Amino acid sequence: MQGSSGSTVTCQWQTWLWRKCKEVATHTVTIDYADRRQDVWHICREHEKEVKKRVQRSLPPPPPQSGGLMPRGSLKAKKMGPGSRKELSRVTTGSSRSTRDGSWTEIERVTDVENDIYREVLEYHDGTVLKSEARLRDHS
């Protein structure tokens, strides 16, 4: 990832000892909280996972579930190359249940080989939305 001056941007993550990560930032994670705050992180792949965990742990507890309502099932759509079996892009949407607090998160994940794009959007039970974007080659 490059900054506005063309220089390489390093990961913004700091460890519990306040040591900075020295890896190149490959992901941009934008968090729009339900209370209208916004955070933007430029981080490496390893710390992208940590940001997701930290955001989920920071959310208020989900309201008690009144029976009956189940989240929608997942949906996958693929775009194949003409005359080949090579997958050019895939969109996956669905719901995922947290093992931590039992809340449901809506997920949309896009992998686009043609345009080298990886995007994941998570919408949590309280309305917080996390969007992670990277070049597909940097996400693997």
C-alpha atoms as a PDB file:
ATOM      1  CA  MET A   1       0.000   0.000   0.000  1.00  0.00           C
ATOM      2  CA  GLN A   2       1.332   3.431  -0.861  1.00  0.00           C
ATOM      3  CA  GLY A   3       0.717   6.754   0.844  1.00  0.00           C
ATOM      4  CA  SER A   4      -0.135  10.015  -0.932  1.00  0.00           C
ATOM      5  CA  SER A   5       3.562  10.765  -1.449  1.00  0.00           C
ATOM      6  CA  GLY A   6       4.123   7.360  -3.094  1.00  0.00           C
ATOM      7  CA  SER A   7       6.022   5.921  -0.114  1.00  0.00           C
ATOM      8  CA  THR A   8       5.159   2.514   1.342  1.00  0.00           C
ATOM      9  CA  VAL A   9       2.772   2.593   4.311  1.00  0.00           C
ATOM     10  CA  THR A  10       3.566   0.315   7.250  1.00  0.00           C
ATOM     11  CA  CYS A  11       1.056  -1.417   9.490  1.00  0.00           C
ATOM     12  CA  GLN A  12      -0.474   0.820  12.201  1.00  0.00           C
ATOM     13  CA  TRP A  13      -0.771  -2.007  14.752  1.00  0.00           C
ATOM     14  CA  GLN A  14       1.057  -1.775  18.062  1.00  0.00           C
ATOM     15  CA  THR A  15       1.584  -4.696  20.415  1.00  0.00           C
ATOM     16  CA  TRP A  16       0.818  -4.650  24.102  1.00  0.00           C
ATOM     17  CA  LEU A  17       4.421  -3.503  24.656  1.00  0.00           C
ATOM     18  CA  TRP A  18       3.795  -0.591  22.211  1.00  0.00           C
ATOM     19  CA  ARG A  19       6.101  -2.101  19.625  1.00  0.00           C
ATOM     20  CA  LYS A  20       5.008  -1.154  16.138  1.00  0.00           C
ATOM     21  CA  CYS A  21       4.498  -3.794  13.473  1.00  0.00           C
ATOM     22  CA  LYS A  22       7.066  -3.387  10.714  1.00  0.00           C
ATOM     23  CA  GLU A  23       5.088  -5.185   7.995  1.00  0.00           C
ATOM     24  CA  VAL A  24       3.768  -3.360   4.952  1.00  0.00           C
ATOM     25  CA  ALA A  25       0.121  -2.304   5.272  1.00  0.00           C
ATOM     26  CA  THR A  26      -1.834  -4.344   2.720  1.00  0.00           C
ATOM     27  CA  HIS A  27      -5.395  -3.848   4.011  1.00  0.00           C
ATOM     28  CA  THR A  28      -7.550  -0.813   4.647  1.00  0.00           C
ATOM     29  CA  VAL A  29     -10.161  -1.471   7.314  1.00  0.00           C
ATOM     30  CA  THR A  30     -12.910   1.111   7.811  1.00  0.00           C
ATOM     31  CA  ILE A  31     -15.192   0.792  10.824  1.00  0.00           C
ATOM     32  CA  ASP A  32     -18.427   2.775  10.951  1.00  0.00           C
ATOM     33  CA  TYR A  33     -19.764   2.389  14.486  1.00  0.00           C
ATOM     34  CA  ALA A  34     -23.464   2.582  15.296  1.00  0.00           C
ATOM     35  CA  ASP A  35     -22.820   5.818  17.250  1.00  0.00           C
ATOM     36  CA  ARG A  36     -21.454   7.463  14.043  1.00  0.00           C
ATOM     37  CA  ARG A  37     -17.762   7.251  15.016  1.00  0.00           C
ATOM     38  CA  GLN A  38     -15.425   6.056  12.292  1.00  0.00           C
ATOM     39  CA  ASP A  39     -11.999   4.426  12.456  1.00  0.00           C
ATOM     40  CA  VAL A  40      -9.737   3.751   9.479  1.00  0.00           C
ATOM     41  CA  TRP A  41      -6.812   1.351   9.846  1.00  0.00           C
ATOM     42  CA  HIS A  42      -4.009   0.616   7.368  1.00  0.00           C
ATOM     43  CA  ILE A  43      -2.713  -2.752   8.503  1.00  0.00           C
ATOM     44  CA  CYS A  44      -1.041  -5.993   7.432  1.00  0.00           C
ATOM     45  CA  ARG A  45      -2.980  -9.230   6.797  1.00  0.00           C
ATOM     46  CA  GLU A  46      -2.178 -10.728  10.189  1.00  0.00           C
ATOM     47  CA  HIS A  47      -3.439  -7.697  12.088  1.00  0.00           C
ATOM     48  CA  GLU A  48      -6.557  -7.379   9.909  1.00  0.00           C
ATOM     49  CA  LYS A  49      -7.871 -10.440  11.762  1.00  0.00           C
ATOM     50  CA  GLU A  50      -7.005  -8.845  15.117  1.00  0.00           C
ATOM     51  CA  VAL A  51      -8.926  -5.659  14.277  1.00  0.00           C
ATOM     52  CA  LYS A  52     -12.027  -7.740  13.461  1.00  0.00           C
ATOM     53  CA  LYS A  53     -11.772  -9.517  16.824  1.00  0.00           C
ATOM     54  CA  ARG A  54     -11.210  -6.263  18.698  1.00  0.00           C
ATOM     55  CA  VAL A  55     -14.218  -4.599  17.067  1.00  0.00           C
ATOM     56  CA  GLN A  56     -16.511  -7.520  17.902  1.00  0.00           C
ATOM     57  CA  ARG A  57     -15.338  -7.550  21.530  1.00  0.00           C
ATOM     58  CA  SER A  58     -15.984  -3.792  21.827  1.00  0.00           C
ATOM     59  CA  LEU A  59     -19.661  -4.021  20.829  1.00  0.00           C
ATOM     60  CA  PRO A  60     -22.500  -3.953  23.356  1.00  0.00           C
ATOM     61  CA  PRO A  61     -24.042  -7.334  24.128  1.00  0.00           C
ATOM     62  CA  PRO A  62     -26.731  -8.434  21.701  1.00  0.00           C
ATOM     63  CA  PRO A  63     -30.358  -8.202  22.770  1.00  0.00           C
ATOM     64  CA  PRO A  64     -31.943 -11.446  23.968  1.00  0.00           C
ATOM     65  CA  GLN A  65     -33.156 -13.575  21.062  1.00  0.00           C
ATOM     66  CA  SER A  66     -36.876 -14.048  20.859  1.00  0.00           C
ATOM     67  CA  GLY A  67     -37.362 -17.357  19.079  1.00  0.00           C
ATOM     68  CA  GLY A  68     -38.299 -17.801  15.481  1.00  0.00           C
ATOM     69  CA  LEU A  69     -36.118 -15.407  13.534  1.00  0.00           C
ATOM     70  CA  MET A  70     -33.169 -17.081  11.888  1.00  0.00           C
ATOM     71  CA  PRO A  71     -30.723 -15.222   9.673  1.00  0.00           C
ATOM     72  CA  ARG A  72     -30.884 -15.814   5.948  1.00  0.00           C
ATOM     73  CA  GLY A  73     -28.848 -18.588   4.385  1.00  0.00           C
ATOM     74  CA  SER A  74     -25.689 -17.973   2.432  1.00  0.00           C
ATOM     75  CA  LEU A  75     -25.604 -17.178  -1.261  1.00  0.00           C
ATOM     76  CA  LYS A  76     -22.642 -17.657  -3.608  1.00  0.00           C
ATOM     77  CA  ALA A  77     -22.283 -16.259  -7.101  1.00  0.00           C
ATOM     78  CA  LYS A  78     -19.347 -17.021  -9.401  1.00  0.00           C
ATOM     79  CA  LYS A  79     -18.139 -15.523 -12.659  1.00  0.00           C
ATOM     80  CA  MET A  80     -16.180 -17.966 -14.801  1.00  0.00           C
ATOM     81  CA  GLY A  81     -13.770 -17.173 -17.623  1.00  0.00           C
ATOM     82  CA  PRO A  82     -15.123 -17.677 -21.148  1.00  0.00           C
ATOM     83  CA  GLY A  83     -14.537 -21.260 -22.272  1.00  0.00           C
ATOM     84  CA  SER A  84     -12.546 -22.136 -19.153  1.00  0.00           C
ATOM     85  CA  ARG A  85     -12.991 -23.437 -15.650  1.00  0.00           C
ATOM     86  CA  LYS A  86     -11.068 -20.537 -14.147  1.00  0.00           C
ATOM     87  CA  GLU A  87     -13.077 -18.573 -11.595  1.00  0.00           C
ATOM     88  CA  LEU A  88     -12.766 -14.822 -12.231  1.00  0.00           C
ATOM     89  CA  SER A  89     -14.789 -13.569  -9.276  1.00  0.00           C
ATOM     90  CA  ARG A  90     -16.928 -14.789  -6.385  1.00  0.00           C
ATOM     91  CA  VAL A  91     -19.451 -13.019  -4.173  1.00  0.00           C
ATOM     92  CA  THR A  92     -20.527 -14.730  -0.968  1.00  0.00           C
ATOM     93  CA  THR A  93     -23.202 -13.352   1.350  1.00  0.00           C
ATOM     94  CA  GLY A  94     -24.719 -14.794   4.474  1.00  0.00           C
ATOM     95  CA  SER A  95     -24.741 -14.784   8.250  1.00  0.00           C
ATOM     96  CA  SER A  96     -22.249 -15.982  10.810  1.00  0.00           C
ATOM     97  CA  ARG A  97     -22.960 -16.677  14.476  1.00  0.00           C
ATOM     98  CA  SER A  98     -20.436 -15.549  17.078  1.00  0.00           C
ATOM     99  CA  THR A  99     -19.189 -18.248  19.414  1.00  0.00           C
ATOM    100  CA  ARG A 100     -18.367 -15.496  21.921  1.00  0.00           C
ATOM    101  CA  ASP A 101     -21.831 -14.023  22.472  1.00  0.00           C
ATOM    102  CA  GLY A 102     -24.216 -15.824  20.099  1.00  0.00           C
ATOM    103  CA  SER A 103     -24.909 -12.710  18.008  1.00  0.00           C
ATOM    104  CA  TRP A 104     -25.359 -12.871  14.240  1.00  0.00           C
ATOM    105  CA  THR A 105     -23.206 -10.911  11.779  1.00  0.00           C
ATOM    106  CA  GLU A 106     -24.158 -10.336   8.151  1.00  0.00           C
ATOM    107  CA  ILE A 107     -21.229 -10.974   5.799  1.00  0.00           C
ATOM    108  CA  GLU A 108     -20.529 -10.056   2.199  1.00  0.00           C
ATOM    109  CA  ARG A 109     -17.219 -11.250   0.745  1.00  0.00           C
ATOM    110  CA  VAL A 110     -15.951 -10.457  -2.773  1.00  0.00           C
ATOM    111  CA  THR A 111     -12.900 -12.022  -4.401  1.00  0.00           C
ATOM    112  CA  ASP A 112     -12.252 -10.662  -7.888  1.00  0.00           C
ATOM    113  CA  VAL A 113      -9.300 -12.291  -9.670  1.00  0.00           C
ATOM    114  CA  GLU A 114      -9.735 -10.165 -12.807  1.00  0.00           C
ATOM    115  CA  ASN A 115      -9.345  -6.879 -10.933  1.00  0.00           C
ATOM    116  CA  ASP A 116      -7.172  -8.160  -8.029  1.00  0.00           C
ATOM    117  CA  ILE A 117      -9.747  -7.126  -5.393  1.00  0.00           C
ATOM    118  CA  TYR A 118     -10.620  -8.608  -2.014  1.00  0.00           C
ATOM    119  CA  ARG A 119     -13.444  -6.951  -0.042  1.00  0.00           C
ATOM    120  CA  GLU A 120     -15.273  -8.091   3.038  1.00  0.00           C
ATOM    121  CA  VAL A 121     -18.147  -6.220   4.698  1.00  0.00           C
ATOM    122  CA  LEU A 122     -19.356  -7.270   8.156  1.00  0.00           C
ATOM    123  CA  GLU A 123     -22.521  -5.785   9.650  1.00  0.00           C
ATOM    124  CA  TYR A 124     -22.818  -6.503  13.356  1.00  0.00           C
ATOM    125  CA  HIS A 125     -25.988  -6.777  15.465  1.00  0.00           C
ATOM    126  CA  ASP A 126     -25.780  -3.161  16.705  1.00  0.00           C
ATOM    127  CA  GLY A 127     -25.425  -1.628  13.220  1.00  0.00           C
ATOM    128  CA  THR A 128     -21.616  -1.308  13.255  1.00  0.00           C
ATOM    129  CA  VAL A 129     -20.181  -1.956   9.783  1.00  0.00           C
ATOM    130  CA  LEU A 130     -16.588  -3.083   9.181  1.00  0.00           C
ATOM    131  CA  LYS A 131     -15.220  -2.991   5.630  1.00  0.00           C
ATOM    132  CA  SER A 132     -11.869  -4.576   4.790  1.00  0.00           C
ATOM    133  CA  GLU A 133     -10.293  -4.001   1.357  1.00  0.00           C
ATOM    134  CA  ALA A 134      -7.044  -5.236  -0.150  1.00  0.00           C
ATOM    135  CA  ARG A 135      -5.493  -6.465  -3.345  1.00  0.00           C
ATOM    136  CA  LEU A 136      -6.471 -10.123  -3.658  1.00  0.00           C
ATOM    137  CA  ARG A 137      -2.810 -11.167  -3.956  1.00  0.00           C
ATOM    138  CA  ASP A 138      -2.100  -9.530  -0.566  1.00  0.00           C
ATOM    139  CA  HIS A 139      -4.990 -11.230   1.213  1.00  0.00           C
ATOM    140  CA  SER A 140      -4.051 -14.875   0.700  1.00  0.00           C
END
